[in-house]
Amino acid sequence: MLLLCVLFVSWLSGAAAVVCDQFTQETVCATYENGACLWDSGLCKCASDVQMDIIFGVDASGSIGSDSWQIQKAFLRSLVEQGIAKNARVGITVFNTFINISAPI
């Protein structure tokens, strides 16, 4: 069984940084460009400017198998390369019989 837990991920839009700070209403901010802007502490901010903590739980148990392990790795790689803000803190927890904190936040 392939198991990957993503606690919080925000997809980014490069054009959003210019306009997000112009919105003064939460509903307008939250619905702009499918999540490109986020309402935070009474202000509309570009999703790529909002600090976030992301923790990935990666199953490395024997039941995963080599093919599924490669799928998990490829998914994480593409997600980190394409869809996470530069100022995000990322942690990885690899688990099977034992838990290993590979990259703490």
N, C-alpha and C. Protein backbone atom coordinates (compact mmCIF):
# COMPACT_ATOMS: atom_id res chain seq x y z
N MET A 1 0.84 -1.18 0.00
CA MET A 1 0.00 0.00 0.00
C MET A 1 0.88 1.24 0.00
N LEU A 2 0.67 2.09 -0.93
CA LEU A 2 1.43 3.34 -1.03
C LEU A 2 0.82 4.36 -0.09
N LEU A 3 1.64 4.87 0.80
CA LEU A 3 1.14 5.83 1.79
C LEU A 3 2.02 7.06 1.79
N LEU A 4 1.43 8.19 1.57
CA LEU A 4 2.16 9.44 1.61
C LEU A 4 1.26 10.48 2.26
N CYS A 5 1.71 11.03 3.36
CA CYS A 5 0.89 12.01 4.08
C CYS A 5 1.47 13.40 3.85
N VAL A 6 0.67 14.27 3.33
CA VAL A 6 1.08 15.65 3.16
C VAL A 6 0.15 16.47 4.03
N LEU A 7 0.71 17.11 5.07
CA LEU A 7 -0.13 17.84 6.00
C LEU A 7 -0.59 19.18 5.46
N PHE A 8 0.27 19.83 4.72
CA PHE A 8 -0.15 21.10 4.13
C PHE A 8 0.70 21.39 2.92
N VAL A 9 0.07 21.60 1.80
CA VAL A 9 0.80 21.96 0.58
C VAL A 9 0.01 23.04 -0.12
N SER A 10 0.69 24.03 -0.61
CA SER A 10 0.03 25.10 -1.34
C SER A 10 0.64 25.19 -2.72
N TRP A 11 -0.16 25.12 -3.76
CA TRP A 11 0.34 25.26 -5.12
C TRP A 11 0.49 26.74 -5.42
N LEU A 12 1.48 27.09 -6.13
CA LEU A 12 1.86 28.48 -6.32
C LEU A 12 1.58 28.98 -7.73
N SER A 13 1.43 30.28 -7.84
CA SER A 13 1.27 30.92 -9.14
C SER A 13 2.20 32.11 -9.21
N GLY A 14 3.08 32.15 -10.18
CA GLY A 14 4.07 33.21 -10.27
C GLY A 14 3.47 34.58 -10.45
N ALA A 15 2.33 34.72 -11.11
CA ALA A 15 1.74 36.02 -11.36
C ALA A 15 1.01 36.58 -10.14
N ALA A 16 0.73 35.76 -9.15
CA ALA A 16 -0.09 36.19 -8.03
C ALA A 16 0.60 37.22 -7.14
N ALA A 17 1.91 37.22 -7.05
CA ALA A 17 2.62 38.11 -6.15
C ALA A 17 2.32 39.57 -6.41
N VAL A 18 2.01 39.92 -7.63
CA VAL A 18 1.76 41.31 -7.99
C VAL A 18 0.41 41.79 -7.50
N VAL A 19 -0.60 40.93 -7.47
CA VAL A 19 -1.96 41.38 -7.19
C VAL A 19 -2.52 40.98 -5.84
N CYS A 20 -2.02 39.98 -5.20
CA CYS A 20 -2.62 39.49 -3.96
C CYS A 20 -2.73 40.57 -2.90
N ASP A 21 -1.70 41.38 -2.74
CA ASP A 21 -1.72 42.39 -1.69
C ASP A 21 -2.72 43.52 -1.96
N GLN A 22 -3.35 43.53 -3.12
CA GLN A 22 -4.34 44.55 -3.45
C GLN A 22 -5.74 44.19 -2.95
N PHE A 23 -5.98 42.93 -2.60
CA PHE A 23 -7.30 42.50 -2.15
C PHE A 23 -7.51 42.86 -0.69
N THR A 24 -8.67 43.41 -0.38
CA THR A 24 -8.98 43.80 0.99
C THR A 24 -10.08 42.96 1.61
N GLN A 25 -10.68 42.07 0.83
CA GLN A 25 -11.72 41.20 1.33
C GLN A 25 -11.26 39.75 1.29
N GLU A 26 -11.50 39.05 2.38
CA GLU A 26 -11.04 37.66 2.49
C GLU A 26 -11.62 36.77 1.41
N THR A 27 -12.89 36.93 1.07
CA THR A 27 -13.51 36.05 0.07
C THR A 27 -12.89 36.25 -1.31
N VAL A 28 -12.58 37.47 -1.67
CA VAL A 28 -11.95 37.74 -2.97
C VAL A 28 -10.54 37.16 -2.98
N CYS A 29 -9.82 37.36 -1.90
CA CYS A 29 -8.45 36.85 -1.78
C CYS A 29 -8.42 35.32 -1.89
N ALA A 30 -9.29 34.68 -1.13
CA ALA A 30 -9.27 33.22 -1.03
C ALA A 30 -9.68 32.52 -2.32
N THR A 31 -10.42 33.20 -3.18
CA THR A 31 -10.89 32.56 -4.40
C THR A 31 -10.09 32.96 -5.64
N TYR A 32 -9.09 33.80 -5.49
CA TYR A 32 -8.31 34.26 -6.64
C TYR A 32 -7.41 33.15 -7.18
N GLU A 33 -7.47 32.90 -8.47
CA GLU A 33 -6.57 31.98 -9.19
C GLU A 33 -6.38 30.63 -8.49
N ASN A 34 -7.46 30.03 -8.03
CA ASN A 34 -7.39 28.69 -7.43
C ASN A 34 -6.37 28.55 -6.32
N GLY A 35 -6.34 29.49 -5.41
CA GLY A 35 -5.45 29.38 -4.26
C GLY A 35 -4.12 30.07 -4.38
N ALA A 36 -3.95 30.92 -5.37
CA ALA A 36 -2.68 31.64 -5.53
C ALA A 36 -2.47 32.64 -4.40
N CYS A 37 -3.57 33.10 -3.79
CA CYS A 37 -3.50 34.05 -2.68
C CYS A 37 -4.06 33.39 -1.43
N LEU A 38 -3.53 33.78 -0.27
CA LEU A 38 -4.01 33.27 1.01
C LEU A 38 -4.29 34.44 1.94
N TRP A 39 -5.36 34.34 2.72
CA TRP A 39 -5.71 35.34 3.71
C TRP A 39 -5.00 34.97 5.01
N ASP A 40 -4.16 35.86 5.51
CA ASP A 40 -3.36 35.57 6.70
C ASP A 40 -3.29 36.81 7.58
N SER A 41 -3.77 36.71 8.80
CA SER A 41 -3.71 37.79 9.78
C SER A 41 -4.32 39.09 9.25
N GLY A 42 -5.45 38.97 8.55
CA GLY A 42 -6.15 40.14 8.07
C GLY A 42 -5.60 40.75 6.79
N LEU A 43 -4.64 40.08 6.15
CA LEU A 43 -4.05 40.57 4.91
C LEU A 43 -4.05 39.47 3.86
N CYS A 44 -4.17 39.89 2.61
CA CYS A 44 -4.08 38.95 1.50
C CYS A 44 -2.63 38.89 1.04
N LYS A 45 -2.09 37.68 0.97
CA LYS A 45 -0.69 37.49 0.60
C LYS A 45 -0.59 36.45 -0.50
N CYS A 46 0.45 36.58 -1.30
CA CYS A 46 0.75 35.56 -2.30
C CYS A 46 1.06 34.27 -1.56
N ALA A 47 0.54 33.16 -2.05
CA ALA A 47 0.77 31.87 -1.39
C ALA A 47 2.25 31.57 -1.25
N SER A 48 3.07 32.02 -2.18
CA SER A 48 4.50 31.75 -2.09
C SER A 48 5.19 32.58 -1.01
N ASP A 49 4.52 33.62 -0.49
CA ASP A 49 5.09 34.45 0.57
C ASP A 49 4.67 34.00 1.96
N VAL A 50 3.70 33.10 2.05
CA VAL A 50 3.19 32.65 3.34
C VAL A 50 4.08 31.54 3.86
N GLN A 51 4.57 31.71 5.10
CA GLN A 51 5.41 30.67 5.68
C GLN A 51 4.56 29.43 5.93
N MET A 52 5.16 28.29 5.66
CA MET A 52 4.45 27.04 5.92
C MET A 52 5.43 25.96 6.34
N ASP A 53 4.92 25.06 7.14
CA ASP A 53 5.66 23.87 7.55
C ASP A 53 5.00 22.68 6.86
N ILE A 54 5.81 21.86 6.22
CA ILE A 54 5.30 20.71 5.49
C ILE A 54 6.03 19.48 5.99
N ILE A 55 5.27 18.46 6.33
CA ILE A 55 5.87 17.20 6.80
C ILE A 55 5.37 16.08 5.90
N PHE A 56 6.30 15.35 5.33
CA PHE A 56 5.96 14.20 4.51
C PHE A 56 6.18 12.94 5.33
N GLY A 57 5.20 12.05 5.33
CA GLY A 57 5.34 10.74 5.95
C GLY A 57 5.51 9.73 4.83
N VAL A 58 6.65 9.06 4.77
CA VAL A 58 6.95 8.16 3.66
C VAL A 58 7.04 6.73 4.18
N ASP A 59 6.24 5.86 3.62
CA ASP A 59 6.20 4.45 4.01
C ASP A 59 7.33 3.70 3.30
N ALA A 60 8.24 3.14 4.08
CA ALA A 60 9.36 2.38 3.53
C ALA A 60 9.30 0.91 3.94
N SER A 61 8.12 0.46 4.32
CA SER A 61 7.99 -0.92 4.77
C SER A 61 8.15 -1.90 3.61
N GLY A 62 8.39 -3.12 3.93
CA GLY A 62 8.61 -4.14 2.92
C GLY A 62 7.43 -4.34 2.00
N SER A 63 6.23 -4.03 2.47
CA SER A 63 5.05 -4.23 1.63
C SER A 63 4.94 -3.21 0.51
N ILE A 64 5.71 -2.15 0.56
CA ILE A 64 5.67 -1.11 -0.48
C ILE A 64 6.24 -1.62 -1.79
N GLY A 65 7.35 -2.28 -1.74
CA GLY A 65 7.98 -2.78 -2.97
C GLY A 65 8.77 -1.70 -3.68
N SER A 66 9.65 -2.12 -4.54
CA SER A 66 10.58 -1.23 -5.22
C SER A 66 9.87 -0.23 -6.14
N ASP A 67 8.88 -0.69 -6.89
CA ASP A 67 8.18 0.20 -7.82
C ASP A 67 7.44 1.32 -7.08
N SER A 68 6.74 0.98 -6.03
CA SER A 68 6.00 1.98 -5.26
C SER A 68 6.96 2.94 -4.55
N TRP A 69 8.09 2.43 -4.10
CA TRP A 69 9.09 3.29 -3.46
C TRP A 69 9.59 4.34 -4.45
N GLN A 70 9.84 3.92 -5.68
CA GLN A 70 10.29 4.86 -6.72
C GLN A 70 9.20 5.89 -7.05
N ILE A 71 7.95 5.47 -7.03
CA ILE A 71 6.84 6.39 -7.27
C ILE A 71 6.78 7.45 -6.17
N GLN A 72 6.92 7.03 -4.92
CA GLN A 72 6.93 7.98 -3.80
C GLN A 72 8.06 8.99 -3.95
N LYS A 73 9.24 8.49 -4.27
CA LYS A 73 10.40 9.39 -4.41
C LYS A 73 10.19 10.38 -5.55
N ALA A 74 9.68 9.92 -6.67
CA ALA A 74 9.46 10.81 -7.82
C ALA A 74 8.40 11.86 -7.50
N PHE A 75 7.34 11.45 -6.80
CA PHE A 75 6.29 12.40 -6.42
C PHE A 75 6.85 13.48 -5.50
N LEU A 76 7.58 13.09 -4.48
CA LEU A 76 8.17 14.06 -3.56
C LEU A 76 9.12 15.00 -4.28
N ARG A 77 9.95 14.46 -5.13
CA ARG A 77 10.92 15.28 -5.87
C ARG A 77 10.19 16.33 -6.71
N SER A 78 9.18 15.92 -7.48
CA SER A 78 8.47 16.87 -8.34
C SER A 78 7.70 17.90 -7.52
N LEU A 79 7.13 17.48 -6.41
CA LEU A 79 6.40 18.41 -5.56
C LEU A 79 7.33 19.48 -4.98
N VAL A 80 8.45 19.06 -4.48
CA VAL A 80 9.41 20.00 -3.89
C VAL A 80 9.99 20.93 -4.96
N GLU A 81 10.29 20.40 -6.12
CA GLU A 81 10.89 21.22 -7.18
C GLU A 81 9.90 22.20 -7.80
N GLN A 82 8.62 21.85 -7.84
CA GLN A 82 7.66 22.67 -8.57
C GLN A 82 6.63 23.39 -7.73
N GLY A 83 6.33 22.92 -6.54
CA GLY A 83 5.16 23.46 -5.89
C GLY A 83 5.28 23.91 -4.45
N ILE A 84 6.48 24.16 -3.97
CA ILE A 84 6.63 24.58 -2.58
C ILE A 84 7.37 25.91 -2.54
N ALA A 85 6.87 26.81 -1.72
CA ALA A 85 7.49 28.13 -1.58
C ALA A 85 8.93 28.01 -1.10
N LYS A 86 9.73 28.98 -1.51
CA LYS A 86 11.15 28.96 -1.15
C LYS A 86 11.38 29.06 0.35
N ASN A 87 10.50 29.74 1.06
CA ASN A 87 10.70 29.91 2.49
C ASN A 87 9.99 28.85 3.33
N ALA A 88 9.48 27.80 2.70
CA ALA A 88 8.82 26.72 3.43
C ALA A 88 9.86 25.86 4.16
N ARG A 89 9.45 25.37 5.33
CA ARG A 89 10.29 24.41 6.06
C ARG A 89 9.69 23.03 5.79
N VAL A 90 10.55 22.11 5.34
CA VAL A 90 10.10 20.79 4.93
C VAL A 90 10.75 19.73 5.82
N GLY A 91 9.95 18.79 6.29
CA GLY A 91 10.46 17.67 7.07
C GLY A 91 10.02 16.37 6.42
N ILE A 92 10.83 15.33 6.60
CA ILE A 92 10.52 14.02 6.05
C ILE A 92 10.63 13.00 7.17
N THR A 93 9.59 12.21 7.32
CA THR A 93 9.62 11.11 8.28
C THR A 93 9.45 9.81 7.49
N VAL A 94 10.46 8.97 7.54
CA VAL A 94 10.41 7.67 6.88
C VAL A 94 10.06 6.64 7.94
N PHE A 95 9.06 5.82 7.64
CA PHE A 95 8.67 4.84 8.64
C PHE A 95 8.50 3.46 8.02
N ASN A 96 8.78 2.46 8.80
CA ASN A 96 8.47 1.07 8.50
C ASN A 96 8.22 0.44 9.86
N THR A 97 9.02 -0.50 10.29
CA THR A 97 8.88 -1.01 11.65
C THR A 97 9.33 0.05 12.65
N PHE A 98 10.32 0.83 12.26
CA PHE A 98 10.85 1.91 13.08
C PHE A 98 10.65 3.24 12.37
N ILE A 99 10.68 4.32 13.14
CA ILE A 99 10.53 5.66 12.56
C ILE A 99 11.88 6.34 12.55
N ASN A 100 12.22 6.96 11.42
CA ASN A 100 13.48 7.66 11.26
C ASN A 100 13.17 9.10 10.83
N ILE A 101 13.60 10.07 11.61
CA ILE A 101 13.43 11.47 11.23
C ILE A 101 14.60 11.81 10.30
N SER A 102 14.34 11.74 8.99
CA SER A 102 15.41 11.93 8.01
C SER A 102 15.79 13.37 7.84
N ALA A 103 14.81 14.25 7.86
CA ALA A 103 15.08 15.67 7.65
C ALA A 103 14.11 16.46 8.51
N PRO A 104 14.49 16.75 9.75
CA PRO A 104 13.57 17.49 10.62
C PRO A 104 13.36 18.91 10.12
N ILE A 105 12.21 19.47 10.47
CA ILE A 105 11.91 20.86 10.07
C ILE A 105 12.88 21.79 10.75
